[in-house]
N, C-alpha and C. Protein backbone atom coordinates (compact mmCIF):
# COMPACT_ATOMS: atom_id res chain seq x y z
N MET A 1 23.05 5.34 -1.39
CA MET A 1 21.70 5.12 -0.93
C MET A 1 21.64 5.19 0.60
N LYS A 2 20.54 5.70 1.11
CA LYS A 2 20.31 5.72 2.54
C LYS A 2 19.64 4.42 2.98
N GLU A 3 20.03 3.94 4.15
CA GLU A 3 19.39 2.74 4.69
C GLU A 3 17.97 3.06 5.13
N ILE A 4 17.04 2.17 4.85
CA ILE A 4 15.65 2.35 5.22
C ILE A 4 15.23 1.24 6.16
N LYS A 5 14.60 1.63 7.27
CA LYS A 5 14.04 0.68 8.22
C LYS A 5 12.55 0.52 7.92
N VAL A 6 12.08 -0.70 7.82
CA VAL A 6 10.67 -0.98 7.54
C VAL A 6 10.03 -1.59 8.79
N GLU A 7 8.96 -0.93 9.26
CA GLU A 7 8.21 -1.44 10.40
C GLU A 7 6.76 -1.67 9.99
N THR A 8 6.20 -2.77 10.44
CA THR A 8 4.82 -3.13 10.11
C THR A 8 3.92 -2.91 11.31
N PHE A 9 2.82 -2.18 11.09
CA PHE A 9 1.79 -1.99 12.10
C PHE A 9 0.51 -2.63 11.58
N VAL A 10 -0.02 -3.58 12.32
CA VAL A 10 -1.25 -4.27 11.92
C VAL A 10 -2.41 -3.52 12.56
N LEU A 11 -3.21 -2.84 11.73
CA LEU A 11 -4.18 -1.87 12.24
C LEU A 11 -5.61 -2.24 11.85
N GLY A 12 -6.54 -1.94 12.75
CA GLY A 12 -7.95 -2.00 12.43
C GLY A 12 -8.55 -3.39 12.48
N PRO A 13 -9.87 -3.47 12.33
CA PRO A 13 -10.58 -4.75 12.47
C PRO A 13 -10.23 -5.77 11.40
N LEU A 14 -9.74 -5.33 10.24
CA LEU A 14 -9.36 -6.27 9.19
C LEU A 14 -7.86 -6.57 9.20
N GLU A 15 -7.18 -6.12 10.26
CA GLU A 15 -5.75 -6.41 10.45
C GLU A 15 -4.95 -6.04 9.20
N THR A 16 -5.03 -4.78 8.87
CA THR A 16 -4.35 -4.26 7.68
C THR A 16 -2.89 -3.94 8.00
N ASN A 17 -1.99 -4.39 7.16
CA ASN A 17 -0.58 -4.04 7.31
C ASN A 17 -0.37 -2.60 6.85
N SER A 18 0.08 -1.77 7.77
CA SER A 18 0.44 -0.39 7.46
C SER A 18 1.93 -0.25 7.74
N TYR A 19 2.65 0.38 6.84
CA TYR A 19 4.11 0.34 6.89
C TYR A 19 4.70 1.72 7.18
N LEU A 20 5.59 1.76 8.16
CA LEU A 20 6.34 2.96 8.50
C LEU A 20 7.77 2.75 8.04
N LEU A 21 8.21 3.54 7.08
CA LEU A 21 9.56 3.46 6.56
C LEU A 21 10.33 4.67 7.05
N SER A 22 11.50 4.44 7.65
CA SER A 22 12.25 5.56 8.20
C SER A 22 13.73 5.46 7.85
N SER A 23 14.33 6.64 7.74
CA SER A 23 15.77 6.77 7.53
C SER A 23 16.21 7.93 8.40
N GLY A 24 16.88 7.62 9.50
CA GLY A 24 17.16 8.67 10.49
C GLY A 24 15.85 9.17 11.07
N ASN A 25 15.67 10.49 11.07
CA ASN A 25 14.44 11.08 11.60
C ASN A 25 13.38 11.29 10.52
N ASP A 26 13.71 11.00 9.28
CA ASP A 26 12.75 11.17 8.18
C ASP A 26 12.00 9.87 7.94
N ALA A 27 10.74 10.00 7.54
CA ALA A 27 9.92 8.80 7.38
C ALA A 27 8.84 9.03 6.33
N VAL A 28 8.30 7.93 5.82
CA VAL A 28 7.08 7.93 5.01
C VAL A 28 6.22 6.78 5.49
N VAL A 29 4.94 6.83 5.15
CA VAL A 29 4.01 5.76 5.49
C VAL A 29 3.40 5.21 4.21
N ILE A 30 3.30 3.90 4.12
CA ILE A 30 2.57 3.26 3.02
C ILE A 30 1.32 2.62 3.61
N ASP A 31 0.17 3.20 3.26
CA ASP A 31 -1.14 2.83 3.78
C ASP A 31 -1.23 3.12 5.28
N CYS A 32 -2.43 3.47 5.72
CA CYS A 32 -2.65 3.69 7.14
C CYS A 32 -4.07 3.26 7.45
N GLY A 33 -4.19 2.10 8.07
CA GLY A 33 -5.49 1.52 8.34
C GLY A 33 -6.24 2.22 9.46
N MET A 34 -7.45 1.76 9.72
CA MET A 34 -8.26 2.30 10.80
C MET A 34 -7.61 1.97 12.15
N GLU A 35 -7.98 2.76 13.16
CA GLU A 35 -7.42 2.61 14.50
C GLU A 35 -5.89 2.71 14.46
N PRO A 36 -5.36 3.87 13.99
CA PRO A 36 -3.93 3.98 13.72
C PRO A 36 -3.07 4.34 14.91
N GLU A 37 -3.64 4.36 16.13
CA GLU A 37 -2.90 4.90 17.28
C GLU A 37 -1.52 4.26 17.50
N PRO A 38 -1.33 2.94 17.33
CA PRO A 38 0.02 2.40 17.54
C PRO A 38 1.07 3.05 16.63
N MET A 39 0.73 3.29 15.38
CA MET A 39 1.67 3.94 14.49
C MET A 39 1.87 5.40 14.88
N LEU A 40 0.77 6.10 15.20
CA LEU A 40 0.88 7.51 15.59
C LEU A 40 1.75 7.66 16.84
N GLN A 41 1.61 6.74 17.78
CA GLN A 41 2.41 6.81 19.00
C GLN A 41 3.89 6.65 18.69
N ALA A 42 4.23 5.73 17.79
CA ALA A 42 5.63 5.54 17.43
C ALA A 42 6.20 6.79 16.77
N ILE A 43 5.41 7.42 15.93
CA ILE A 43 5.86 8.64 15.25
C ILE A 43 6.09 9.76 16.26
N ARG A 44 5.16 9.90 17.21
CA ARG A 44 5.30 10.95 18.23
C ARG A 44 6.51 10.69 19.12
N GLU A 45 6.64 9.46 19.60
CA GLU A 45 7.71 9.16 20.54
C GLU A 45 9.09 9.37 19.93
N ARG A 46 9.22 9.06 18.67
CA ARG A 46 10.52 9.18 18.00
C ARG A 46 10.68 10.50 17.27
N GLN A 47 9.63 11.34 17.34
CA GLN A 47 9.66 12.67 16.72
C GLN A 47 10.08 12.57 15.23
N LEU A 48 9.43 11.64 14.54
CA LEU A 48 9.75 11.43 13.14
C LEU A 48 9.13 12.50 12.27
N ASN A 49 9.84 12.88 11.25
CA ASN A 49 9.34 13.81 10.24
C ASN A 49 8.76 13.00 9.09
N VAL A 50 7.43 12.82 9.11
CA VAL A 50 6.78 12.04 8.06
C VAL A 50 6.58 12.93 6.84
N GLU A 51 7.31 12.62 5.78
CA GLU A 51 7.32 13.47 4.59
C GLU A 51 6.11 13.23 3.69
N ALA A 52 5.63 12.00 3.64
CA ALA A 52 4.56 11.67 2.70
C ALA A 52 3.84 10.40 3.14
N ILE A 53 2.60 10.27 2.65
CA ILE A 53 1.80 9.07 2.85
C ILE A 53 1.45 8.53 1.47
N TYR A 54 1.82 7.29 1.20
CA TYR A 54 1.58 6.68 -0.11
C TYR A 54 0.51 5.60 0.05
N LEU A 55 -0.44 5.58 -0.87
CA LEU A 55 -1.55 4.64 -0.82
C LEU A 55 -1.43 3.61 -1.93
N THR A 56 -1.50 2.33 -1.55
CA THR A 56 -1.50 1.29 -2.58
C THR A 56 -2.84 1.23 -3.30
N HIS A 57 -3.92 1.52 -2.55
CA HIS A 57 -5.26 1.61 -3.13
C HIS A 57 -6.17 2.24 -2.08
N MET A 58 -7.42 2.45 -2.42
CA MET A 58 -8.26 3.28 -1.56
C MET A 58 -9.43 2.54 -0.92
N HIS A 59 -9.30 1.26 -0.66
CA HIS A 59 -10.29 0.59 0.19
C HIS A 59 -10.15 1.13 1.62
N LEU A 60 -11.28 1.20 2.32
CA LEU A 60 -11.32 1.88 3.61
C LEU A 60 -10.33 1.31 4.61
N ASP A 61 -10.12 0.00 4.59
CA ASP A 61 -9.21 -0.59 5.58
C ASP A 61 -7.76 -0.17 5.36
N HIS A 62 -7.46 0.45 4.23
CA HIS A 62 -6.10 0.93 3.96
C HIS A 62 -5.96 2.44 4.09
N ILE A 63 -7.07 3.14 4.20
CA ILE A 63 -6.99 4.61 4.27
C ILE A 63 -7.76 5.18 5.46
N GLY A 64 -8.36 4.32 6.28
CA GLY A 64 -9.21 4.80 7.36
C GLY A 64 -8.50 5.64 8.41
N GLY A 65 -7.17 5.49 8.55
CA GLY A 65 -6.42 6.28 9.52
C GLY A 65 -5.64 7.42 8.91
N VAL A 66 -5.79 7.65 7.62
CA VAL A 66 -4.97 8.66 6.93
C VAL A 66 -5.25 10.07 7.43
N SER A 67 -6.52 10.40 7.66
CA SER A 67 -6.84 11.76 8.13
C SER A 67 -6.15 12.06 9.44
N ARG A 68 -6.19 11.12 10.38
CA ARG A 68 -5.53 11.34 11.67
C ARG A 68 -4.02 11.42 11.52
N LEU A 69 -3.48 10.60 10.65
CA LEU A 69 -2.04 10.65 10.40
C LEU A 69 -1.63 11.99 9.80
N GLN A 70 -2.42 12.49 8.87
CA GLN A 70 -2.09 13.78 8.27
C GLN A 70 -2.22 14.92 9.27
N GLU A 71 -3.23 14.84 10.15
CA GLU A 71 -3.38 15.86 11.18
C GLU A 71 -2.14 15.94 12.06
N LEU A 72 -1.56 14.79 12.36
CA LEU A 72 -0.38 14.74 13.21
C LEU A 72 0.87 15.23 12.49
N THR A 73 0.99 14.88 11.22
CA THR A 73 2.26 15.08 10.52
C THR A 73 2.25 16.19 9.47
N GLY A 74 1.08 16.52 8.93
CA GLY A 74 1.02 17.47 7.82
C GLY A 74 1.54 16.92 6.51
N ALA A 75 1.73 15.61 6.44
CA ALA A 75 2.32 15.00 5.24
C ALA A 75 1.36 15.05 4.06
N LYS A 76 1.90 15.17 2.87
CA LYS A 76 1.11 15.08 1.65
C LYS A 76 0.74 13.62 1.39
N ILE A 77 -0.38 13.43 0.72
CA ILE A 77 -0.91 12.10 0.46
C ILE A 77 -0.87 11.82 -1.04
N TYR A 78 -0.38 10.66 -1.41
CA TYR A 78 -0.23 10.30 -2.81
C TYR A 78 -0.93 8.97 -3.09
N GLY A 79 -1.70 8.93 -4.17
CA GLY A 79 -2.37 7.72 -4.59
C GLY A 79 -2.86 7.87 -6.02
N ASN A 80 -3.55 6.88 -6.51
CA ASN A 80 -4.04 6.90 -7.89
C ASN A 80 -5.52 7.28 -7.90
N ASN A 81 -5.83 8.38 -8.58
CA ASN A 81 -7.20 8.90 -8.58
C ASN A 81 -8.22 7.97 -9.24
N LYS A 82 -7.76 6.92 -9.91
CA LYS A 82 -8.70 5.97 -10.48
C LYS A 82 -9.53 5.28 -9.40
N ASP A 83 -9.08 5.33 -8.16
CA ASP A 83 -9.80 4.68 -7.07
C ASP A 83 -10.76 5.60 -6.33
N LEU A 84 -10.86 6.85 -6.75
CA LEU A 84 -11.73 7.78 -6.02
C LEU A 84 -13.20 7.38 -6.09
N TYR A 85 -13.59 6.58 -7.07
CA TYR A 85 -14.97 6.11 -7.17
C TYR A 85 -15.41 5.37 -5.92
N LEU A 86 -14.47 4.81 -5.18
CA LEU A 86 -14.81 4.03 -3.98
C LEU A 86 -15.46 4.88 -2.91
N HIS A 87 -15.20 6.19 -2.92
CA HIS A 87 -15.81 7.07 -1.92
C HIS A 87 -17.33 7.16 -2.10
N ASP A 88 -17.83 6.78 -3.25
CA ASP A 88 -19.27 6.90 -3.54
C ASP A 88 -19.98 5.55 -3.56
N ILE A 89 -19.29 4.51 -3.08
CA ILE A 89 -19.86 3.17 -3.04
C ILE A 89 -20.05 2.76 -1.58
N PRO A 90 -21.18 2.14 -1.24
CA PRO A 90 -21.42 1.74 0.16
C PRO A 90 -20.36 0.77 0.69
N LEU A 91 -20.18 0.80 2.00
CA LEU A 91 -19.18 -0.04 2.65
C LEU A 91 -19.41 -1.52 2.34
N LYS A 92 -20.65 -1.97 2.32
CA LYS A 92 -20.93 -3.39 2.10
C LYS A 92 -20.51 -3.84 0.72
N GLU A 93 -20.30 -2.89 -0.21
CA GLU A 93 -19.84 -3.21 -1.55
C GLU A 93 -18.36 -2.88 -1.74
N GLY A 94 -17.66 -2.62 -0.65
CA GLY A 94 -16.23 -2.37 -0.73
C GLY A 94 -15.84 -0.92 -0.78
N GLY A 95 -16.82 -0.01 -0.67
CA GLY A 95 -16.53 1.42 -0.72
C GLY A 95 -16.44 2.06 0.65
N SER A 96 -16.54 3.37 0.67
CA SER A 96 -16.40 4.11 1.93
C SER A 96 -17.42 5.23 2.04
N LEU A 97 -18.57 5.08 1.38
CA LEU A 97 -19.58 6.14 1.32
C LEU A 97 -19.98 6.62 2.71
N GLU A 98 -20.22 5.69 3.63
CA GLU A 98 -20.66 6.06 4.97
C GLU A 98 -19.57 6.78 5.77
N TYR A 99 -18.32 6.68 5.34
CA TYR A 99 -17.20 7.29 6.04
C TYR A 99 -16.60 8.45 5.25
N LYS A 100 -17.30 8.90 4.23
CA LYS A 100 -16.75 9.88 3.30
C LYS A 100 -16.27 11.14 4.00
N ARG A 101 -17.01 11.57 5.02
CA ARG A 101 -16.62 12.81 5.71
C ARG A 101 -15.34 12.64 6.51
N MET A 102 -15.01 11.40 6.86
CA MET A 102 -13.74 11.14 7.56
C MET A 102 -12.55 11.21 6.61
N LEU A 103 -12.83 11.07 5.32
CA LEU A 103 -11.75 10.97 4.33
C LEU A 103 -11.63 12.29 3.57
N ASN A 104 -11.52 13.37 4.32
CA ASN A 104 -11.55 14.69 3.72
C ASN A 104 -10.16 15.20 3.37
N PHE A 105 -9.28 14.30 2.97
CA PHE A 105 -7.93 14.71 2.61
C PHE A 105 -7.78 14.79 1.10
N GLU A 106 -6.84 15.61 0.67
CA GLU A 106 -6.55 15.77 -0.76
C GLU A 106 -5.51 14.75 -1.19
N ILE A 107 -5.77 14.12 -2.31
CA ILE A 107 -4.86 13.11 -2.82
C ILE A 107 -4.13 13.65 -4.05
N ASN A 108 -2.82 13.57 -4.02
CA ASN A 108 -1.99 13.93 -5.18
C ASN A 108 -1.86 12.70 -6.07
N ASP A 109 -2.28 12.85 -7.31
CA ASP A 109 -2.37 11.70 -8.21
C ASP A 109 -0.99 11.16 -8.59
N LEU A 110 -0.86 9.84 -8.51
CA LEU A 110 0.37 9.15 -8.90
C LEU A 110 0.08 8.20 -10.06
N SER A 111 1.03 8.08 -10.95
CA SER A 111 0.95 7.08 -12.01
C SER A 111 2.31 6.41 -12.12
N GLN A 112 2.41 5.45 -13.02
CA GLN A 112 3.64 4.67 -13.13
C GLN A 112 4.83 5.55 -13.48
N GLY A 113 5.94 5.30 -12.81
CA GLY A 113 7.15 6.08 -13.08
C GLY A 113 8.13 5.98 -11.92
N ARG A 114 9.21 6.73 -12.03
CA ARG A 114 10.27 6.70 -11.02
C ARG A 114 10.17 7.94 -10.12
N ILE A 115 10.33 7.71 -8.82
CA ILE A 115 10.40 8.81 -7.87
C ILE A 115 11.52 8.50 -6.88
N THR A 116 11.76 9.42 -5.95
CA THR A 116 12.73 9.21 -4.89
C THR A 116 12.02 9.29 -3.56
N ILE A 117 12.24 8.29 -2.71
CA ILE A 117 11.66 8.25 -1.37
C ILE A 117 12.79 8.02 -0.38
N LEU A 118 12.91 8.92 0.58
CA LEU A 118 13.94 8.81 1.61
C LEU A 118 15.33 8.63 1.00
N GLY A 119 15.57 9.36 -0.08
CA GLY A 119 16.88 9.33 -0.72
C GLY A 119 17.16 8.11 -1.57
N ASN A 120 16.15 7.29 -1.80
CA ASN A 120 16.31 6.07 -2.57
C ASN A 120 15.40 6.06 -3.79
N PRO A 121 15.87 5.48 -4.90
CA PRO A 121 15.01 5.38 -6.08
C PRO A 121 13.89 4.40 -5.85
N VAL A 122 12.71 4.74 -6.34
CA VAL A 122 11.53 3.88 -6.20
C VAL A 122 10.80 3.86 -7.54
N MET A 123 10.39 2.68 -7.95
CA MET A 123 9.58 2.54 -9.15
C MET A 123 8.13 2.34 -8.72
N ILE A 124 7.28 3.27 -9.16
CA ILE A 124 5.84 3.12 -8.96
C ILE A 124 5.31 2.28 -10.11
N LEU A 125 4.63 1.19 -9.78
CA LEU A 125 4.06 0.30 -10.79
C LEU A 125 2.54 0.37 -10.71
N GLU A 126 1.89 0.57 -11.83
CA GLU A 126 0.44 0.46 -11.88
C GLU A 126 0.09 -1.02 -11.97
N THR A 127 -0.61 -1.52 -10.94
CA THR A 127 -0.90 -2.95 -10.85
C THR A 127 -2.40 -3.17 -10.59
N PRO A 128 -3.24 -2.83 -11.55
CA PRO A 128 -4.69 -2.96 -11.36
C PRO A 128 -5.13 -4.42 -11.27
N GLY A 129 -6.34 -4.58 -10.78
CA GLY A 129 -6.93 -5.91 -10.66
C GLY A 129 -7.77 -6.00 -9.40
N HIS A 130 -7.14 -5.70 -8.26
CA HIS A 130 -7.90 -5.62 -7.01
C HIS A 130 -8.78 -4.37 -7.04
N THR A 131 -8.20 -3.27 -7.46
CA THR A 131 -8.93 -2.05 -7.82
C THR A 131 -8.28 -1.49 -9.08
N PRO A 132 -8.97 -0.61 -9.81
CA PRO A 132 -8.37 -0.05 -11.03
C PRO A 132 -7.14 0.79 -10.76
N GLY A 133 -7.09 1.43 -9.57
CA GLY A 133 -5.98 2.33 -9.27
C GLY A 133 -4.91 1.74 -8.38
N SER A 134 -4.88 0.43 -8.22
CA SER A 134 -3.88 -0.19 -7.34
C SER A 134 -2.46 0.10 -7.81
N LEU A 135 -1.61 0.47 -6.86
CA LEU A 135 -0.21 0.76 -7.13
C LEU A 135 0.68 -0.16 -6.29
N SER A 136 1.86 -0.45 -6.82
CA SER A 136 2.89 -1.14 -6.06
C SER A 136 4.14 -0.27 -6.07
N PHE A 137 4.90 -0.33 -4.97
CA PHE A 137 6.08 0.52 -4.79
C PHE A 137 7.31 -0.36 -4.64
N PHE A 138 8.17 -0.35 -5.66
CA PHE A 138 9.35 -1.21 -5.70
C PHE A 138 10.58 -0.41 -5.33
N PHE A 139 11.29 -0.86 -4.29
CA PHE A 139 12.52 -0.24 -3.80
C PHE A 139 13.69 -1.14 -4.23
N PRO A 140 14.31 -0.91 -5.37
CA PRO A 140 15.34 -1.85 -5.85
C PRO A 140 16.55 -1.96 -4.94
N ALA A 141 17.00 -0.86 -4.34
CA ALA A 141 18.18 -0.92 -3.48
C ALA A 141 17.92 -1.72 -2.22
N GLN A 142 16.68 -1.73 -1.76
CA GLN A 142 16.31 -2.49 -0.57
C GLN A 142 15.80 -3.89 -0.91
N GLY A 143 15.56 -4.15 -2.20
CA GLY A 143 15.08 -5.46 -2.62
C GLY A 143 13.72 -5.80 -2.07
N CYS A 144 12.80 -4.80 -2.10
CA CYS A 144 11.47 -5.07 -1.57
C CYS A 144 10.42 -4.30 -2.36
N ILE A 145 9.18 -4.79 -2.28
CA ILE A 145 8.07 -4.15 -2.96
C ILE A 145 6.84 -4.22 -2.06
N PHE A 146 6.07 -3.13 -2.08
CA PHE A 146 4.84 -3.03 -1.30
C PHE A 146 3.68 -3.10 -2.30
N VAL A 147 2.83 -4.12 -2.16
CA VAL A 147 1.86 -4.44 -3.21
C VAL A 147 0.40 -4.27 -2.79
N GLY A 148 0.15 -3.80 -1.55
CA GLY A 148 -1.25 -3.69 -1.13
C GLY A 148 -1.94 -5.04 -1.16
N ASP A 149 -3.14 -5.07 -1.71
CA ASP A 149 -3.92 -6.31 -1.76
C ASP A 149 -3.84 -7.00 -3.12
N LEU A 150 -2.78 -6.75 -3.85
CA LEU A 150 -2.58 -7.42 -5.13
C LEU A 150 -2.23 -8.90 -4.94
N LEU A 151 -1.27 -9.15 -4.05
CA LEU A 151 -0.68 -10.48 -3.89
C LEU A 151 -0.41 -10.73 -2.42
N PHE A 152 -0.72 -11.94 -1.97
CA PHE A 152 -0.44 -12.37 -0.61
C PHE A 152 0.38 -13.66 -0.64
N MET A 153 0.87 -14.06 0.52
CA MET A 153 1.55 -15.35 0.60
C MET A 153 0.56 -16.46 0.23
N ILE A 154 0.86 -17.14 -0.85
CA ILE A 154 0.08 -18.26 -1.37
C ILE A 154 -1.38 -17.86 -1.62
N SER A 155 -1.60 -16.63 -2.03
CA SER A 155 -2.94 -16.18 -2.35
C SER A 155 -2.85 -14.90 -3.18
N VAL A 156 -3.99 -14.43 -3.64
CA VAL A 156 -4.05 -13.17 -4.38
C VAL A 156 -5.23 -12.35 -3.85
N GLY A 157 -5.29 -11.09 -4.24
CA GLY A 157 -6.36 -10.22 -3.81
C GLY A 157 -7.70 -10.59 -4.43
N ARG A 158 -8.76 -10.25 -3.74
CA ARG A 158 -10.09 -10.54 -4.24
C ARG A 158 -10.42 -9.59 -5.39
N THR A 159 -11.27 -10.07 -6.29
CA THR A 159 -11.64 -9.27 -7.46
C THR A 159 -13.15 -9.19 -7.64
N ASP A 160 -13.92 -9.56 -6.59
CA ASP A 160 -15.37 -9.60 -6.70
C ASP A 160 -16.04 -8.30 -6.28
N LEU A 161 -15.26 -7.30 -5.84
CA LEU A 161 -15.82 -6.01 -5.47
C LEU A 161 -15.84 -5.08 -6.68
N PRO A 162 -16.66 -4.00 -6.65
CA PRO A 162 -16.72 -3.09 -7.80
C PRO A 162 -15.34 -2.59 -8.22
N GLY A 163 -15.04 -2.72 -9.50
CA GLY A 163 -13.73 -2.31 -10.03
C GLY A 163 -12.71 -3.42 -10.08
N GLY A 164 -12.99 -4.55 -9.43
CA GLY A 164 -12.05 -5.66 -9.46
C GLY A 164 -12.10 -6.38 -10.80
N ASN A 165 -10.97 -6.96 -11.19
CA ASN A 165 -10.89 -7.65 -12.48
C ASN A 165 -9.85 -8.76 -12.36
N ARG A 166 -10.29 -10.00 -12.41
CA ARG A 166 -9.40 -11.14 -12.20
C ARG A 166 -8.30 -11.21 -13.26
N ASP A 167 -8.64 -11.01 -14.52
CA ASP A 167 -7.64 -11.09 -15.58
C ASP A 167 -6.58 -10.00 -15.41
N GLU A 168 -7.02 -8.80 -15.06
CA GLU A 168 -6.07 -7.71 -14.84
C GLU A 168 -5.16 -8.01 -13.65
N LEU A 169 -5.73 -8.56 -12.58
CA LEU A 169 -4.93 -8.87 -11.40
C LEU A 169 -3.85 -9.90 -11.73
N HIS A 170 -4.23 -10.96 -12.42
CA HIS A 170 -3.24 -11.97 -12.80
C HIS A 170 -2.18 -11.39 -13.72
N SER A 171 -2.59 -10.55 -14.65
CA SER A 171 -1.63 -9.91 -15.55
C SER A 171 -0.67 -9.01 -14.78
N SER A 172 -1.19 -8.25 -13.83
CA SER A 172 -0.33 -7.37 -13.03
C SER A 172 0.71 -8.17 -12.27
N ILE A 173 0.29 -9.27 -11.66
CA ILE A 173 1.23 -10.09 -10.89
C ILE A 173 2.29 -10.70 -11.80
N GLN A 174 1.85 -11.28 -12.90
CA GLN A 174 2.79 -11.98 -13.78
C GLN A 174 3.73 -11.03 -14.51
N ASN A 175 3.21 -9.88 -14.94
CA ASN A 175 4.00 -8.98 -15.79
C ASN A 175 4.70 -7.85 -15.06
N LYS A 176 4.32 -7.61 -13.79
CA LYS A 176 4.94 -6.52 -13.03
C LYS A 176 5.69 -7.03 -11.79
N ILE A 177 5.18 -8.09 -11.16
CA ILE A 177 5.79 -8.57 -9.92
C ILE A 177 6.71 -9.76 -10.16
N PHE A 178 6.24 -10.75 -10.92
CA PHE A 178 7.03 -11.96 -11.11
C PHE A 178 8.26 -11.76 -11.99
N ILE A 179 8.41 -10.61 -12.61
CA ILE A 179 9.62 -10.34 -13.38
C ILE A 179 10.73 -9.75 -12.51
N LEU A 180 10.43 -9.43 -11.27
CA LEU A 180 11.44 -8.87 -10.36
C LEU A 180 12.36 -9.98 -9.86
N PRO A 181 13.54 -9.61 -9.33
CA PRO A 181 14.45 -10.64 -8.79
C PRO A 181 13.75 -11.54 -7.78
N GLY A 182 14.07 -12.82 -7.81
CA GLY A 182 13.37 -13.80 -7.00
C GLY A 182 13.43 -13.53 -5.51
N GLU A 183 14.52 -12.92 -5.05
CA GLU A 183 14.67 -12.67 -3.62
C GLU A 183 13.95 -11.41 -3.15
N THR A 184 13.29 -10.72 -4.07
CA THR A 184 12.57 -9.50 -3.69
C THR A 184 11.54 -9.81 -2.62
N LYS A 185 11.60 -9.08 -1.51
CA LYS A 185 10.63 -9.24 -0.43
C LYS A 185 9.32 -8.57 -0.84
N VAL A 186 8.22 -9.28 -0.64
CA VAL A 186 6.89 -8.77 -0.99
C VAL A 186 6.14 -8.46 0.30
N PHE A 187 5.89 -7.17 0.52
CA PHE A 187 5.13 -6.73 1.69
C PHE A 187 3.69 -6.49 1.24
N SER A 188 2.78 -7.31 1.75
CA SER A 188 1.38 -7.29 1.33
C SER A 188 0.53 -6.48 2.29
N GLY A 189 -0.72 -6.25 1.88
CA GLY A 189 -1.65 -5.48 2.69
C GLY A 189 -2.20 -6.24 3.87
N HIS A 190 -2.07 -7.56 3.87
CA HIS A 190 -2.52 -8.41 4.97
C HIS A 190 -1.60 -9.63 5.02
N GLY A 191 -1.38 -10.15 6.20
CA GLY A 191 -0.63 -11.38 6.32
C GLY A 191 0.88 -11.18 6.30
N PRO A 192 1.62 -12.29 6.26
CA PRO A 192 3.08 -12.22 6.38
C PRO A 192 3.76 -11.80 5.08
N MET A 193 5.01 -11.38 5.25
CA MET A 193 5.86 -11.09 4.10
C MET A 193 6.16 -12.38 3.35
N THR A 194 6.35 -12.25 2.03
CA THR A 194 6.76 -13.38 1.21
C THR A 194 7.84 -12.90 0.25
N THR A 195 8.19 -13.72 -0.72
CA THR A 195 9.15 -13.30 -1.74
C THR A 195 8.60 -13.64 -3.12
N VAL A 196 9.14 -12.99 -4.12
CA VAL A 196 8.73 -13.26 -5.49
C VAL A 196 8.97 -14.73 -5.82
N LYS A 197 10.14 -15.23 -5.47
CA LYS A 197 10.47 -16.63 -5.79
C LYS A 197 9.49 -17.60 -5.12
N HIS A 198 9.15 -17.33 -3.88
CA HIS A 198 8.24 -18.21 -3.15
C HIS A 198 6.88 -18.26 -3.84
N GLU A 199 6.39 -17.12 -4.31
CA GLU A 199 5.06 -17.08 -4.92
C GLU A 199 5.06 -17.72 -6.31
N ILE A 200 6.14 -17.52 -7.06
CA ILE A 200 6.23 -18.16 -8.37
C ILE A 200 6.17 -19.67 -8.22
N ARG A 201 6.83 -20.18 -7.18
CA ARG A 201 6.93 -21.63 -6.99
C ARG A 201 5.72 -22.24 -6.30
N ASN A 202 5.04 -21.45 -5.45
CA ASN A 202 4.06 -22.04 -4.54
C ASN A 202 2.65 -21.48 -4.63
N ASN A 203 2.47 -20.33 -5.26
CA ASN A 203 1.13 -19.74 -5.25
C ASN A 203 0.19 -20.56 -6.14
N PRO A 204 -0.87 -21.11 -5.57
CA PRO A 204 -1.73 -22.02 -6.35
C PRO A 204 -2.43 -21.35 -7.53
N GLN A 205 -2.47 -20.04 -7.56
CA GLN A 205 -3.06 -19.35 -8.69
C GLN A 205 -2.19 -19.42 -9.94
N PHE A 206 -0.92 -19.80 -9.77
CA PHE A 206 0.01 -19.72 -10.90
C PHE A 206 0.80 -21.01 -11.13
N VAL A 207 0.77 -21.96 -10.22
CA VAL A 207 1.56 -23.19 -10.42
C VAL A 207 0.68 -24.27 -11.05
């Protein structure tokens, strides 16, 4: 396995965690929030070859910088097409209708299964609840998972926006995340990193 470096860039007005994963000069990005210049600058300065952009879900605060990132890198974009409905919903309801022309990139559809990222095996998990197309990316060799807005430290993602479903969100967390090794690092879409064990023991939604 190749070693992977994980860097967190907190981007945009909603302070979205956007992740730059690199191995040598090769890299991928998981989510890219609005106002992405700090991440773009790091990529330019280090002359990284960004191979792909992976989306945990398609709320605007997680994809608002994707067009600029793709312009810089030419990377392909991967996400779950079940979330494309958000492009036709107004911003005040959790969509991106007013910004639709900014999001003129093509998305390659992903579903649950195994892929390879930066020379390492990755399990794509379908984890709906926050949105129908929410995905989580589990890196077993690195002992970490990227969950978007599914789960936070001592909290969970909101389900009151169109497409959200509280029962599905709880099921996704319990049946897809909490079955992972306890020391698995959980990288969320907002806030600090946590671990599976910490959330099982302390998250008020489940204790």
